[in-house]
Amino acid sequence: MEPIYEGKAKRLYTTDDPNVLRMEYKDSATAFNGEKKEDFENKGRFNKAITLIIYRMLEEKGVKTHLVQDVDDINLLVNKVSIMPLEVIVRNVAAGSFSKRMGVTEGTAFKKPIVEFSYKDDALGDPFINDDYAREMGAATEEEMAYIKQQVLTINEVLKEFFLKAKLRLIDFKVEFGRLSTDPSQIVLADEISPDTCRLWDVETGKKMDKDRFRRGLGGFMEAYAEVLERLSK
């Protein structure tokens, strides 16, 4: 198995099947476009386990993902996809960059979810784009953008209910999509869904149970991830 890609939090390797890759979760934590970086024991294990639980649940709900099967504590087999250069964010509650950018008090609930699209390019700072930008940049067609928006709103409703059962409030989350190598017309959910990519607050206390504990130096970073995994495993 040859390594073919290494990102901030994961590595990808080839397998005997040219259309299937092994995804390895790293123990690295990064924030602010990699300016803040640190390794934490078990981080990869927690994120892999949480993503597996969530992706299996989403598949049962009819959401197509790149998941193939479990491997071990830090690895999954996934279908090979061409990742679309889009970061898709769904916001249910004002927090993080939205609150800073718009001057809205953190914790303010929105009447309806907000969907944001960013062009995935670290050198450009992942700028905001809309359907017209995506079309002209070759990131996605207008039809694909409409499909992705419909998908993330469906995912949002499923995730909100799922996390609520674990007494977690889904504040916002970021996902990515990819085109299957075997059929590029098929767009599936890719990458991961974990406390790295979601904001999760305890329903009763409002305690942050996600990567904001690392971003903001709140302490208890891995303890929060471990608790999220424990709650979702019940």
C-alpha atoms as a PDB file:
ATOM      1  CA  MET A   1       0.000   0.000   0.000  1.00  0.00           C
ATOM      2  CA  GLU A   2       1.549   3.256  -1.151  1.00  0.00           C
ATOM      3  CA  PRO A   3       0.850   6.640   0.480  1.00  0.00           C
ATOM      4  CA  ILE A   4      -0.737   8.983  -2.051  1.00  0.00           C
ATOM      5  CA  TYR A   5      -1.873  11.944   0.073  1.00  0.00           C
ATOM      6  CA  GLU A   6      -1.289  13.450   3.486  1.00  0.00           C
ATOM      7  CA  GLY A   7      -3.462  16.190   4.909  1.00  0.00           C
ATOM      8  CA  LYS A   8      -3.630  17.894   8.277  1.00  0.00           C
ATOM      9  CA  ALA A   9      -5.544  15.064   9.949  1.00  0.00           C
ATOM     10  CA  LYS A  10      -5.449  12.040   7.635  1.00  0.00           C
ATOM     11  CA  ARG A  11      -3.330  10.016   5.206  1.00  0.00           C
ATOM     12  CA  LEU A  12      -4.539   8.082   2.168  1.00  0.00           C
ATOM     13  CA  TYR A  13      -3.008   4.875   0.835  1.00  0.00           C
ATOM     14  CA  THR A  14      -3.650   2.730  -2.217  1.00  0.00           C
ATOM     15  CA  THR A  15      -5.014  -0.815  -1.820  1.00  0.00           C
ATOM     16  CA  ASP A  16      -5.205  -3.872  -4.069  1.00  0.00           C
ATOM     17  CA  ASP A  17      -8.408  -2.396  -5.483  1.00  0.00           C
ATOM     18  CA  PRO A  18      -7.659   0.717  -7.604  1.00  0.00           C
ATOM     19  CA  ASN A  19     -11.039   2.178  -6.679  1.00  0.00           C
ATOM     20  CA  VAL A  20     -10.657   1.736  -2.911  1.00  0.00           C
ATOM     21  CA  LEU A  21      -8.289   3.614  -0.585  1.00  0.00           C
ATOM     22  CA  ARG A  22      -7.220   3.167   3.017  1.00  0.00           C
ATOM     23  CA  MET A  23      -7.803   6.287   5.093  1.00  0.00           C
ATOM     24  CA  GLU A  24      -5.614   6.632   8.175  1.00  0.00           C
ATOM     25  CA  TYR A  25      -6.541   9.084  10.935  1.00  0.00           C
ATOM     26  CA  LYS A  26      -3.603  10.961  12.455  1.00  0.00           C
ATOM     27  CA  ASP A  27      -3.151  12.209  16.016  1.00  0.00           C
ATOM     28  CA  SER A  28      -2.486  15.753  14.765  1.00  0.00           C
ATOM     29  CA  ALA A  29      -4.643  18.706  15.742  1.00  0.00           C
ATOM     30  CA  THR A  30      -4.410  21.927  13.736  1.00  0.00           C
ATOM     31  CA  ALA A  31      -6.184  25.272  13.814  1.00  0.00           C
ATOM     32  CA  PHE A  32      -6.022  28.636  12.041  1.00  0.00           C
ATOM     33  CA  ASN A  33      -4.880  27.139   8.714  1.00  0.00           C
ATOM     34  CA  GLY A  34      -2.172  25.115  10.399  1.00  0.00           C
ATOM     35  CA  GLU A  35      -0.681  27.971  12.414  1.00  0.00           C
ATOM     36  CA  LYS A  36      -1.506  26.121  15.646  1.00  0.00           C
ATOM     37  CA  LYS A  37      -0.476  22.470  15.652  1.00  0.00           C
ATOM     38  CA  GLU A  38      -0.054  19.739  18.245  1.00  0.00           C
ATOM     39  CA  ASP A  39      -0.283  15.947  18.496  1.00  0.00           C
ATOM     40  CA  PHE A  40      -2.646  14.264  20.963  1.00  0.00           C
ATOM     41  CA  GLU A  41      -2.577  10.567  21.798  1.00  0.00           C
ATOM     42  CA  ASN A  42      -5.760   8.768  20.683  1.00  0.00           C
ATOM     43  CA  LYS A  43      -7.091  11.689  18.614  1.00  0.00           C
ATOM     44  CA  GLY A  44      -6.988   9.642  15.420  1.00  0.00           C
ATOM     45  CA  ARG A  45      -8.660   6.715  17.135  1.00  0.00           C
ATOM     46  CA  PHE A  46     -11.477   8.891  18.491  1.00  0.00           C
ATOM     47  CA  ASN A  47     -12.147  10.665  15.178  1.00  0.00           C
ATOM     48  CA  LYS A  48     -12.100   7.439  13.196  1.00  0.00           C
ATOM     49  CA  ALA A  49     -14.519   5.731  15.595  1.00  0.00           C
ATOM     50  CA  ILE A  50     -16.896   8.720  15.667  1.00  0.00           C
ATOM     51  CA  THR A  51     -16.853   9.074  11.872  1.00  0.00           C
ATOM     52  CA  LEU A  52     -17.574   5.359  11.452  1.00  0.00           C
ATOM     53  CA  ILE A  53     -20.587   5.539  13.781  1.00  0.00           C
ATOM     54  CA  ILE A  54     -21.949   8.614  12.008  1.00  0.00           C
ATOM     55  CA  TYR A  55     -21.343   7.409   8.445  1.00  0.00           C
ATOM     56  CA  ARG A  56     -22.959   4.044   9.140  1.00  0.00           C
ATOM     57  CA  MET A  57     -25.954   5.860  10.607  1.00  0.00           C
ATOM     58  CA  LEU A  58     -26.162   8.210   7.604  1.00  0.00           C
ATOM     59  CA  GLU A  59     -25.952   5.283   5.167  1.00  0.00           C
ATOM     60  CA  GLU A  60     -28.902   3.697   6.976  1.00  0.00           C
ATOM     61  CA  LYS A  61     -30.788   6.978   6.471  1.00  0.00           C
ATOM     62  CA  GLY A  62     -30.114   6.910   2.726  1.00  0.00           C
ATOM     63  CA  VAL A  63     -27.165   9.334   2.573  1.00  0.00           C
ATOM     64  CA  LYS A  64     -24.475   8.070   0.187  1.00  0.00           C
ATOM     65  CA  THR A  65     -20.934   8.253   1.613  1.00  0.00           C
ATOM     66  CA  HIS A  66     -17.512   7.040   0.524  1.00  0.00           C
ATOM     67  CA  LEU A  67     -17.369   4.501   3.380  1.00  0.00           C
ATOM     68  CA  VAL A  68     -16.577   0.901   2.411  1.00  0.00           C
ATOM     69  CA  GLN A  69     -15.694  -0.864   5.657  1.00  0.00           C
ATOM     70  CA  ASP A  70     -13.915  -0.702   8.980  1.00  0.00           C
ATOM     71  CA  VAL A  71     -10.267  -1.811   9.228  1.00  0.00           C
ATOM     72  CA  ASP A  72      -8.805  -1.136  12.678  1.00  0.00           C
ATOM     73  CA  ASP A  73      -8.511   1.555  15.358  1.00  0.00           C
ATOM     74  CA  ILE A  74      -7.289   4.288  13.010  1.00  0.00           C
ATOM     75  CA  ASN A  75      -8.089   3.085   9.475  1.00  0.00           C
ATOM     76  CA  LEU A  76     -11.121   2.851   7.224  1.00  0.00           C
ATOM     77  CA  LEU A  77     -11.498   1.621   3.656  1.00  0.00           C
ATOM     78  CA  VAL A  78     -13.205   4.235   1.476  1.00  0.00           C
ATOM     79  CA  ASN A  79     -14.202   4.486  -2.147  1.00  0.00           C
ATOM     80  CA  LYS A  80     -11.774   6.526  -4.193  1.00  0.00           C
ATOM     81  CA  VAL A  81     -13.278   9.901  -5.032  1.00  0.00           C
ATOM     82  CA  SER A  82     -12.188  13.118  -6.668  1.00  0.00           C
ATOM     83  CA  ILE A  83     -12.751  15.642  -3.892  1.00  0.00           C
ATOM     84  CA  MET A  84     -14.657  18.682  -5.076  1.00  0.00           C
ATOM     85  CA  PRO A  85     -12.853  21.932  -4.152  1.00  0.00           C
ATOM     86  CA  LEU A  86     -15.680  22.988  -1.877  1.00  0.00           C
ATOM     87  CA  GLU A  87     -16.075  23.269   1.866  1.00  0.00           C
ATOM     88  CA  VAL A  88     -19.751  23.173   2.784  1.00  0.00           C
ATOM     89  CA  ILE A  89     -20.746  24.575   6.163  1.00  0.00           C
ATOM     90  CA  VAL A  90     -24.170  24.336   7.773  1.00  0.00           C
ATOM     91  CA  ARG A  91     -24.856  26.655  10.708  1.00  0.00           C
ATOM     92  CA  ASN A  92     -27.754  26.225  13.143  1.00  0.00           C
ATOM     93  CA  VAL A  93     -26.441  28.603  15.792  1.00  0.00           C
ATOM     94  CA  ALA A  94     -24.103  31.611  15.613  1.00  0.00           C
ATOM     95  CA  ALA A  95     -20.562  30.684  16.669  1.00  0.00           C
ATOM     96  CA  GLY A  96     -16.924  30.974  15.677  1.00  0.00           C
ATOM     97  CA  SER A  97     -16.089  32.918  12.546  1.00  0.00           C
ATOM     98  CA  PHE A  98     -19.739  33.750  11.863  1.00  0.00           C
ATOM     99  CA  SER A  99     -20.080  35.585  15.171  1.00  0.00           C
ATOM    100  CA  LYS A 100     -16.817  37.452  14.594  1.00  0.00           C
ATOM    101  CA  ARG A 101     -17.627  38.307  11.002  1.00  0.00           C
ATOM    102  CA  MET A 102     -21.255  39.341  11.498  1.00  0.00           C
ATOM    103  CA  GLY A 103     -21.166  40.671  15.067  1.00  0.00           C
ATOM    104  CA  VAL A 104     -23.839  38.211  16.193  1.00  0.00           C
ATOM    105  CA  THR A 105     -23.622  36.983  19.777  1.00  0.00           C
ATOM    106  CA  GLU A 106     -22.364  33.407  19.989  1.00  0.00           C
ATOM    107  CA  GLY A 107     -25.218  31.082  20.865  1.00  0.00           C
ATOM    108  CA  THR A 108     -27.881  32.960  18.885  1.00  0.00           C
ATOM    109  CA  ALA A 109     -30.085  30.362  17.179  1.00  0.00           C
ATOM    110  CA  PHE A 110     -31.029  30.932  13.536  1.00  0.00           C
ATOM    111  CA  LYS A 111     -34.619  30.743  12.284  1.00  0.00           C
ATOM    112  CA  LYS A 112     -33.428  28.369   9.554  1.00  0.00           C
ATOM    113  CA  PRO A 113     -30.049  26.732   8.925  1.00  0.00           C
ATOM    114  CA  ILE A 114     -27.493  28.782   6.999  1.00  0.00           C
ATOM    115  CA  VAL A 115     -25.508  27.028   4.260  1.00  0.00           C
ATOM    116  CA  GLU A 116     -22.107  28.450   3.280  1.00  0.00           C
ATOM    117  CA  PHE A 117     -19.765  27.429   0.464  1.00  0.00           C
ATOM    118  CA  SER A 118     -16.030  28.083   0.459  1.00  0.00           C
ATOM    119  CA  TYR A 119     -13.524  27.463  -2.316  1.00  0.00           C
ATOM    120  CA  LYS A 120     -11.087  24.912  -0.893  1.00  0.00           C
ATOM    121  CA  ASP A 121      -7.688  26.560  -1.294  1.00  0.00           C
ATOM    122  CA  ASP A 122      -5.442  27.274   1.705  1.00  0.00           C
ATOM    123  CA  ALA A 123      -3.316  29.736  -0.281  1.00  0.00           C
ATOM    124  CA  LEU A 124      -6.419  31.844  -0.945  1.00  0.00           C
ATOM    125  CA  GLY A 125      -7.753  31.442   2.589  1.00  0.00           C
ATOM    126  CA  ASP A 126     -10.732  29.299   1.494  1.00  0.00           C
ATOM    127  CA  PRO A 127     -12.777  32.281   0.220  1.00  0.00           C
ATOM    128  CA  PHE A 128     -16.571  32.307   0.224  1.00  0.00           C
ATOM    129  CA  ILE A 129     -18.202  31.469  -3.093  1.00  0.00           C
ATOM    130  CA  ASN A 130     -21.732  31.128  -4.421  1.00  0.00           C
ATOM    131  CA  ASP A 131     -23.284  29.063  -7.207  1.00  0.00           C
ATOM    132  CA  ASP A 132     -22.030  31.426  -9.910  1.00  0.00           C
ATOM    133  CA  TYR A 133     -18.466  31.388  -8.563  1.00  0.00           C
ATOM    134  CA  ALA A 134     -18.520  27.582  -8.334  1.00  0.00           C
ATOM    135  CA  ARG A 135     -19.690  27.296 -11.935  1.00  0.00           C
ATOM    136  CA  GLU A 136     -17.062  29.685 -13.299  1.00  0.00           C
ATOM    137  CA  MET A 137     -14.251  28.164 -11.185  1.00  0.00           C
ATOM    138  CA  GLY A 138     -15.168  24.702 -12.446  1.00  0.00           C
ATOM    139  CA  ALA A 139     -15.823  23.505  -8.897  1.00  0.00           C
ATOM    140  CA  ALA A 140     -19.391  22.359  -9.523  1.00  0.00           C
ATOM    141  CA  THR A 141     -22.286  22.906 -11.891  1.00  0.00           C
ATOM    142  CA  GLU A 142     -25.387  24.771 -10.758  1.00  0.00           C
ATOM    143  CA  GLU A 143     -27.244  21.458 -10.648  1.00  0.00           C
ATOM    144  CA  GLU A 144     -24.514  19.914  -8.494  1.00  0.00           C
ATOM    145  CA  MET A 145     -24.576  22.875  -6.125  1.00  0.00           C
ATOM    146  CA  ALA A 146     -28.336  22.506  -5.735  1.00  0.00           C
ATOM    147  CA  TYR A 147     -27.931  18.783  -5.060  1.00  0.00           C
ATOM    148  CA  ILE A 148     -25.197  19.385  -2.476  1.00  0.00           C
ATOM    149  CA  LYS A 149     -27.273  22.019  -0.687  1.00  0.00           C
ATOM    150  CA  GLN A 150     -30.239  19.656  -0.531  1.00  0.00           C
ATOM    151  CA  GLN A 151     -27.968  16.888   0.767  1.00  0.00           C
ATOM    152  CA  VAL A 152     -26.369  18.951   3.538  1.00  0.00           C
ATOM    153  CA  LEU A 153     -29.743  20.187   4.765  1.00  0.00           C
ATOM    154  CA  THR A 154     -30.932  16.574   4.939  1.00  0.00           C
ATOM    155  CA  ILE A 155     -27.722  15.569   6.725  1.00  0.00           C
ATOM    156  CA  ASN A 156     -28.205  18.464   9.132  1.00  0.00           C
ATOM    157  CA  GLU A 157     -31.666  17.305  10.194  1.00  0.00           C
ATOM    158  CA  VAL A 158     -30.481  13.722  10.654  1.00  0.00           C
ATOM    159  CA  LEU A 159     -27.405  14.802  12.626  1.00  0.00           C
ATOM    160  CA  LYS A 160     -29.331  17.190  14.877  1.00  0.00           C
ATOM    161  CA  GLU A 161     -31.674  14.403  15.943  1.00  0.00           C
ATOM    162  CA  PHE A 162     -28.831  11.895  16.287  1.00  0.00           C
ATOM    163  CA  PHE A 163     -26.676  14.163  18.455  1.00  0.00           C
ATOM    164  CA  LEU A 164     -29.638  15.283  20.542  1.00  0.00           C
ATOM    165  CA  LYS A 165     -30.164  11.689  21.643  1.00  0.00           C
ATOM    166  CA  ALA A 166     -26.610  11.891  23.024  1.00  0.00           C
ATOM    167  CA  LYS A 167     -27.482  15.176  24.750  1.00  0.00           C
ATOM    168  CA  LEU A 168     -25.360  17.148  22.298  1.00  0.00           C
ATOM    169  CA  ARG A 169     -26.493  20.245  20.421  1.00  0.00           C
ATOM    170  CA  LEU A 170     -25.261  20.512  16.825  1.00  0.00           C
ATOM    171  CA  ILE A 171     -24.150  24.122  16.413  1.00  0.00           C
ATOM    172  CA  ASP A 172     -22.563  23.839  12.979  1.00  0.00           C
ATOM    173  CA  PHE A 173     -20.547  21.438  10.839  1.00  0.00           C
ATOM    174  CA  LYS A 174     -18.329  21.317   7.751  1.00  0.00           C
ATOM    175  CA  VAL A 175     -18.368  18.563   5.141  1.00  0.00           C
ATOM    176  CA  GLU A 176     -16.815  17.779   1.782  1.00  0.00           C
ATOM    177  CA  PHE A 177     -18.107  15.860  -1.222  1.00  0.00           C
ATOM    178  CA  GLY A 178     -16.400  13.872  -3.944  1.00  0.00           C
ATOM    179  CA  ARG A 179     -17.113  12.304  -7.319  1.00  0.00           C
ATOM    180  CA  LEU A 180     -16.777   8.514  -7.372  1.00  0.00           C
ATOM    181  CA  SER A 181     -13.843   7.289  -9.476  1.00  0.00           C
ATOM    182  CA  THR A 182     -16.060   4.521 -10.856  1.00  0.00           C
ATOM    183  CA  ASP A 183     -18.830   6.956 -11.811  1.00  0.00           C
ATOM    184  CA  PRO A 184     -17.947  10.681 -11.679  1.00  0.00           C
ATOM    185  CA  SER A 185     -21.617  11.578 -12.083  1.00  0.00           C
ATOM    186  CA  GLN A 186     -22.188  10.189  -8.575  1.00  0.00           C
ATOM    187  CA  ILE A 187     -21.447  12.693  -5.783  1.00  0.00           C
ATOM    188  CA  VAL A 188     -21.021  11.245  -2.293  1.00  0.00           C
ATOM    189  CA  LEU A 189     -20.226  12.557   1.170  1.00  0.00           C
ATOM    190  CA  ALA A 190     -16.484  12.162   1.795  1.00  0.00           C
ATOM    191  CA  ASP A 191     -13.766  13.083   4.331  1.00  0.00           C
ATOM    192  CA  GLU A 192     -15.099  12.825   7.919  1.00  0.00           C
ATOM    193  CA  ILE A 193     -17.685  14.009  10.430  1.00  0.00           C
ATOM    194  CA  SER A 194     -16.182  14.306  13.906  1.00  0.00           C
ATOM    195  CA  PRO A 195     -15.608  16.883  16.658  1.00  0.00           C
ATOM    196  CA  ASP A 196     -12.879  18.219  14.346  1.00  0.00           C
ATOM    197  CA  THR A 197     -15.526  19.238  11.812  1.00  0.00           C
ATOM    198  CA  CYS A 198     -18.559  19.900  14.053  1.00  0.00           C
ATOM    199  CA  ARG A 199     -19.322  22.254  16.887  1.00  0.00           C
ATOM    200  CA  LEU A 200     -21.074  20.269  19.595  1.00  0.00           C
ATOM    201  CA  TRP A 201     -22.308  21.758  22.862  1.00  0.00           C
ATOM    202  CA  ASP A 202     -23.633  19.825  25.828  1.00  0.00           C
ATOM    203  CA  VAL A 203     -27.401  20.309  25.889  1.00  0.00           C
ATOM    204  CA  GLU A 204     -27.608  20.956  29.622  1.00  0.00           C
ATOM    205  CA  THR A 205     -24.406  22.869  30.395  1.00  0.00           C
ATOM    206  CA  GLY A 206     -23.438  24.416  27.046  1.00  0.00           C
ATOM    207  CA  LYS A 207     -19.939  22.968  27.439  1.00  0.00           C
ATOM    208  CA  LYS A 208     -17.998  22.878  24.172  1.00  0.00           C
ATOM    209  CA  MET A 209     -17.286  19.271  23.156  1.00  0.00           C
ATOM    210  CA  ASP A 210     -15.295  19.847  19.973  1.00  0.00           C
ATOM    211  CA  LYS A 211     -12.109  21.303  18.462  1.00  0.00           C
ATOM    212  CA  ASP A 212     -12.878  24.726  19.925  1.00  0.00           C
ATOM    213  CA  ARG A 213     -11.349  23.340  23.117  1.00  0.00           C
ATOM    214  CA  PHE A 214      -8.057  23.183  21.200  1.00  0.00           C
ATOM    215  CA  ARG A 215      -8.550  26.382  19.185  1.00  0.00           C
ATOM    216  CA  ARG A 216      -9.343  28.435  22.278  1.00  0.00           C
ATOM    217  CA  GLY A 217      -7.020  26.677  24.725  1.00  0.00           C
ATOM    218  CA  LEU A 218      -9.881  25.571  26.974  1.00  0.00           C
ATOM    219  CA  GLY A 219      -8.232  22.345  28.103  1.00  0.00           C
ATOM    220  CA  GLY A 220      -9.853  18.921  28.299  1.00  0.00           C
ATOM    221  CA  PHE A 221      -9.516  18.478  24.547  1.00  0.00           C
ATOM    222  CA  MET A 222      -9.200  14.700  24.312  1.00  0.00           C
ATOM    223  CA  GLU A 223     -11.471  14.195  27.303  1.00  0.00           C
ATOM    224  CA  ALA A 224     -14.257  15.909  25.344  1.00  0.00           C
ATOM    225  CA  TYR A 225     -13.657  13.718  22.271  1.00  0.00           C
ATOM    226  CA  ALA A 226     -13.656  10.605  24.438  1.00  0.00           C
ATOM    227  CA  GLU A 227     -16.967  11.640  25.985  1.00  0.00           C
ATOM    228  CA  VAL A 228     -18.540  12.320  22.588  1.00  0.00           C
ATOM    229  CA  LEU A 229     -17.515   8.833  21.442  1.00  0.00           C
ATOM    230  CA  GLU A 230     -18.877   7.276  24.622  1.00  0.00           C
ATOM    231  CA  ARG A 231     -22.231   9.031  24.262  1.00  0.00           C
ATOM    232  CA  LEU A 232     -22.590   8.114  20.586  1.00  0.00           C
ATOM    233  CA  SER A 233     -21.670   4.481  21.281  1.00  0.00           C
ATOM    234  CA  LYS A 234     -24.595   3.929  23.652  1.00  0.00           C
END
